[in-house]
Amino acid sequence: MVTYTLLVLVVGLERVAELVVAVRNKRWMFERGGREYGQGHYPFMVVLHTGFLAACIVEAFHRPFLPWLGWPMLVLAVAAQGLRWWCIRTLGPQWNTKIIVAPGMPLVTGGPYRWFRHPNYVAVVVEGFALPLIHTAWLTALVFTVLNAALLTVRIRAEDAALQSA
């Protein structure tokens, strides 16, 4: 249980690193005339993702580690992190946790964007079920997956509309 808690805390620290990158990139985009879209859902996203990490730890206290489930889910969770950072590197200063579009910026079609329109959200979805299932936290995996699907519906619509308006 201690190892799993440390893993979730490391994922939380990774989220903090993302926010540092996002703040830097937000400044860069605004310097180029960037405009923010879809602000209404952002607070819900922050609460959902923070609650997700906390729920992973809380539920795992009441669940066993099952190696036949935990090890494959760990592989998926690590792969999701790799995909997330591949997206961040591919988008460079255009990546953000917020939806910010600057005029004249080209649509990125390289890296994972060659195969998926929204690969970062693929990483979020995979992590959303894999991270809790490492320690059999199936309720957290289920609730987050359902709530995240609703959030991503709103977010992707807002992101697509923002990209259309640029």
Protein backbone atom coordinates (compact mmCIF):
# COMPACT_ATOMS: atom_id res chain seq x y z
CA MET A 1 0.00 0.00 0.00
CA VAL A 2 2.89 2.35 0.75
CA THR A 3 4.35 1.78 -2.71
CA TYR A 4 1.00 2.48 -4.36
CA THR A 5 0.53 5.67 -2.32
CA LEU A 6 3.99 6.82 -3.40
CA LEU A 7 3.11 6.06 -7.02
CA VAL A 8 -0.06 8.18 -6.82
CA LEU A 9 1.89 10.98 -5.15
CA VAL A 10 4.47 10.84 -7.96
CA VAL A 11 1.60 11.17 -10.47
CA GLY A 12 0.41 14.17 -8.44
CA LEU A 13 3.88 15.72 -8.66
CA GLU A 14 3.81 15.06 -12.39
CA ARG A 15 0.57 17.08 -12.52
CA VAL A 16 2.33 19.94 -10.74
CA ALA A 17 5.10 19.77 -13.37
CA GLU A 18 2.41 19.97 -16.06
CA LEU A 19 0.99 23.09 -14.44
CA VAL A 20 4.42 24.71 -14.44
CA VAL A 21 4.72 23.98 -18.16
CA ALA A 22 1.16 25.21 -18.73
CA VAL A 23 1.79 28.55 -17.01
CA ARG A 24 4.92 29.12 -19.08
CA ASN A 25 3.10 28.15 -22.28
CA LYS A 26 0.09 30.32 -21.42
CA ARG A 27 2.35 33.33 -21.16
CA TRP A 28 3.98 32.43 -24.51
CA MET A 29 0.61 32.04 -26.24
CA PHE A 30 -0.77 35.31 -24.81
CA GLU A 31 2.35 37.14 -26.02
CA ARG A 32 1.36 35.98 -29.51
CA GLY A 33 -2.23 37.16 -29.24
CA GLY A 34 -3.62 33.94 -27.78
CA ARG A 35 -7.17 33.80 -26.51
CA GLU A 36 -8.56 31.44 -23.90
CA TYR A 37 -11.71 29.42 -24.57
CA GLY A 38 -13.91 27.09 -22.55
CA GLN A 39 -13.08 28.47 -19.12
CA GLY A 40 -16.40 27.30 -17.64
CA HIS A 41 -15.48 23.63 -17.38
CA TYR A 42 -11.90 24.15 -16.14
CA PRO A 43 -12.68 24.36 -12.38
CA PHE A 44 -14.64 21.10 -12.64
CA MET A 45 -11.67 19.50 -14.40
CA VAL A 46 -9.31 20.58 -11.61
CA VAL A 47 -11.64 19.22 -8.91
CA LEU A 48 -12.24 15.97 -10.81
CA HIS A 49 -8.56 15.25 -11.41
CA THR A 50 -7.52 16.21 -7.86
CA GLY A 51 -10.35 14.14 -6.40
CA PHE A 52 -9.34 11.25 -8.65
CA LEU A 53 -5.84 11.07 -7.15
CA ALA A 54 -7.18 11.32 -3.61
CA ALA A 55 -9.82 8.66 -4.29
CA CYS A 56 -7.18 6.30 -5.66
CA ILE A 57 -5.36 6.38 -2.33
CA VAL A 58 -8.47 6.28 -0.11
CA GLU A 59 -10.10 3.37 -1.93
CA ALA A 60 -6.85 1.42 -2.19
CA PHE A 61 -6.71 1.23 1.62
CA HIS A 62 -9.76 -1.03 1.40
CA ARG A 63 -8.66 -3.13 -1.59
CA PRO A 64 -6.04 -5.81 -2.10
CA PHE A 65 -3.24 -5.68 -4.62
CA LEU A 66 -3.93 -8.41 -7.18
CA PRO A 67 -0.78 -9.03 -9.22
CA TRP A 68 -2.66 -10.39 -12.25
CA LEU A 69 -4.51 -7.04 -12.47
CA GLY A 70 -2.05 -4.63 -10.87
CA TRP A 71 1.01 -5.30 -13.01
CA PRO A 72 -0.72 -4.92 -16.41
CA MET A 73 -2.47 -1.77 -15.15
CA LEU A 74 0.89 -0.37 -14.05
CA VAL A 75 2.22 -0.92 -17.57
CA LEU A 76 -0.82 0.90 -19.01
CA ALA A 77 -0.49 3.77 -16.51
CA VAL A 78 3.19 4.23 -17.36
CA ALA A 79 2.37 4.07 -21.08
CA ALA A 80 -0.30 6.74 -20.56
CA GLN A 81 2.29 9.00 -18.95
CA GLY A 82 4.62 8.42 -21.87
CA LEU A 83 1.86 9.32 -24.32
CA ARG A 84 0.96 12.43 -22.31
CA TRP A 85 4.55 13.73 -22.37
CA TRP A 86 4.87 12.86 -26.06
CA CYS A 87 1.84 15.09 -26.64
CA ILE A 88 3.35 17.88 -24.55
CA ARG A 89 6.65 17.69 -26.45
CA THR A 90 4.92 17.54 -29.82
CA LEU A 91 2.73 20.57 -29.13
CA GLY A 92 5.61 22.46 -27.55
CA PRO A 93 4.56 25.92 -26.34
CA GLN A 94 1.07 25.39 -27.79
CA TRP A 95 0.30 22.71 -25.16
CA ASN A 96 -1.72 23.76 -22.14
CA THR A 97 -4.14 22.47 -19.54
CA LYS A 98 -6.37 25.33 -20.65
CA ILE A 99 -7.71 25.88 -24.16
CA ILE A 100 -5.64 28.71 -25.62
CA VAL A 101 -5.40 29.42 -29.33
CA ALA A 102 -3.17 32.04 -30.91
CA PRO A 103 -3.87 33.38 -34.39
CA GLY A 104 -1.75 32.00 -37.20
CA MET A 105 -0.51 28.96 -35.29
CA PRO A 106 -0.56 25.85 -37.47
CA LEU A 107 -2.59 22.81 -36.45
CA VAL A 108 -0.15 20.22 -35.13
CA THR A 109 -0.31 16.99 -37.13
CA GLY A 110 2.94 15.30 -36.10
CA GLY A 111 3.81 12.92 -33.30
CA PRO A 112 0.78 11.18 -31.82
CA TYR A 113 -1.46 13.72 -33.57
CA ARG A 114 -0.68 11.84 -36.76
CA TRP A 115 -2.95 9.01 -35.55
CA PHE A 116 -5.37 10.61 -33.08
CA ARG A 117 -7.09 13.97 -33.08
CA HIS A 118 -6.89 14.19 -29.27
CA PRO A 119 -4.13 11.79 -28.11
CA ASN A 120 -3.70 13.55 -24.77
CA TYR A 121 -7.27 12.56 -23.93
CA VAL A 122 -6.47 8.96 -24.85
CA ALA A 123 -3.76 9.16 -22.18
CA VAL A 124 -6.22 10.64 -19.66
CA VAL A 125 -8.79 7.91 -20.32
CA VAL A 126 -6.24 5.10 -20.03
CA GLU A 127 -4.77 6.56 -16.85
CA GLY A 128 -8.29 7.04 -15.46
CA PHE A 129 -8.96 3.34 -15.31
CA ALA A 130 -5.41 1.97 -15.09
CA LEU A 131 -4.04 3.96 -12.14
CA PRO A 132 -6.82 2.99 -9.71
CA LEU A 133 -6.92 -0.62 -10.92
CA ILE A 134 -3.24 -1.05 -10.05
CA HIS A 135 -4.53 -1.48 -6.51
CA THR A 136 -8.02 -2.77 -7.38
CA ALA A 137 -9.75 0.59 -6.76
CA TRP A 138 -12.52 -0.32 -9.20
CA LEU A 139 -15.06 2.18 -7.82
CA THR A 140 -12.66 5.08 -8.41
CA ALA A 141 -11.93 3.77 -11.91
CA LEU A 142 -15.66 3.52 -12.70
CA VAL A 143 -16.75 6.88 -11.25
CA PHE A 144 -13.82 8.78 -12.77
CA THR A 145 -14.36 7.16 -16.17
CA VAL A 146 -18.03 8.18 -16.24
CA LEU A 147 -17.44 11.74 -14.98
CA ASN A 148 -14.41 12.17 -17.21
CA ALA A 149 -16.39 11.04 -20.26
CA ALA A 150 -18.91 13.82 -19.57
CA LEU A 151 -16.11 16.33 -19.04
CA LEU A 152 -14.27 15.29 -22.19
CA THR A 153 -17.46 15.67 -24.22
CA VAL A 154 -17.64 19.32 -23.15
CA ARG A 155 -13.88 19.88 -23.38
CA ILE A 156 -13.42 18.42 -26.86
CA ARG A 157 -16.35 20.43 -28.19
CA ALA A 158 -14.86 23.61 -26.70
CA GLU A 159 -11.41 22.77 -28.05
CA ASP A 160 -12.70 21.97 -31.54
CA ALA A 161 -14.74 25.21 -31.59
CA ALA A 162 -11.68 27.19 -30.48
CA LEU A 163 -9.54 25.63 -33.20
CA GLN A 164 -12.23 26.42 -35.80
CA SER A 165 -12.32 30.07 -34.75
CA ALA A 166 -8.55 30.55 -34.98
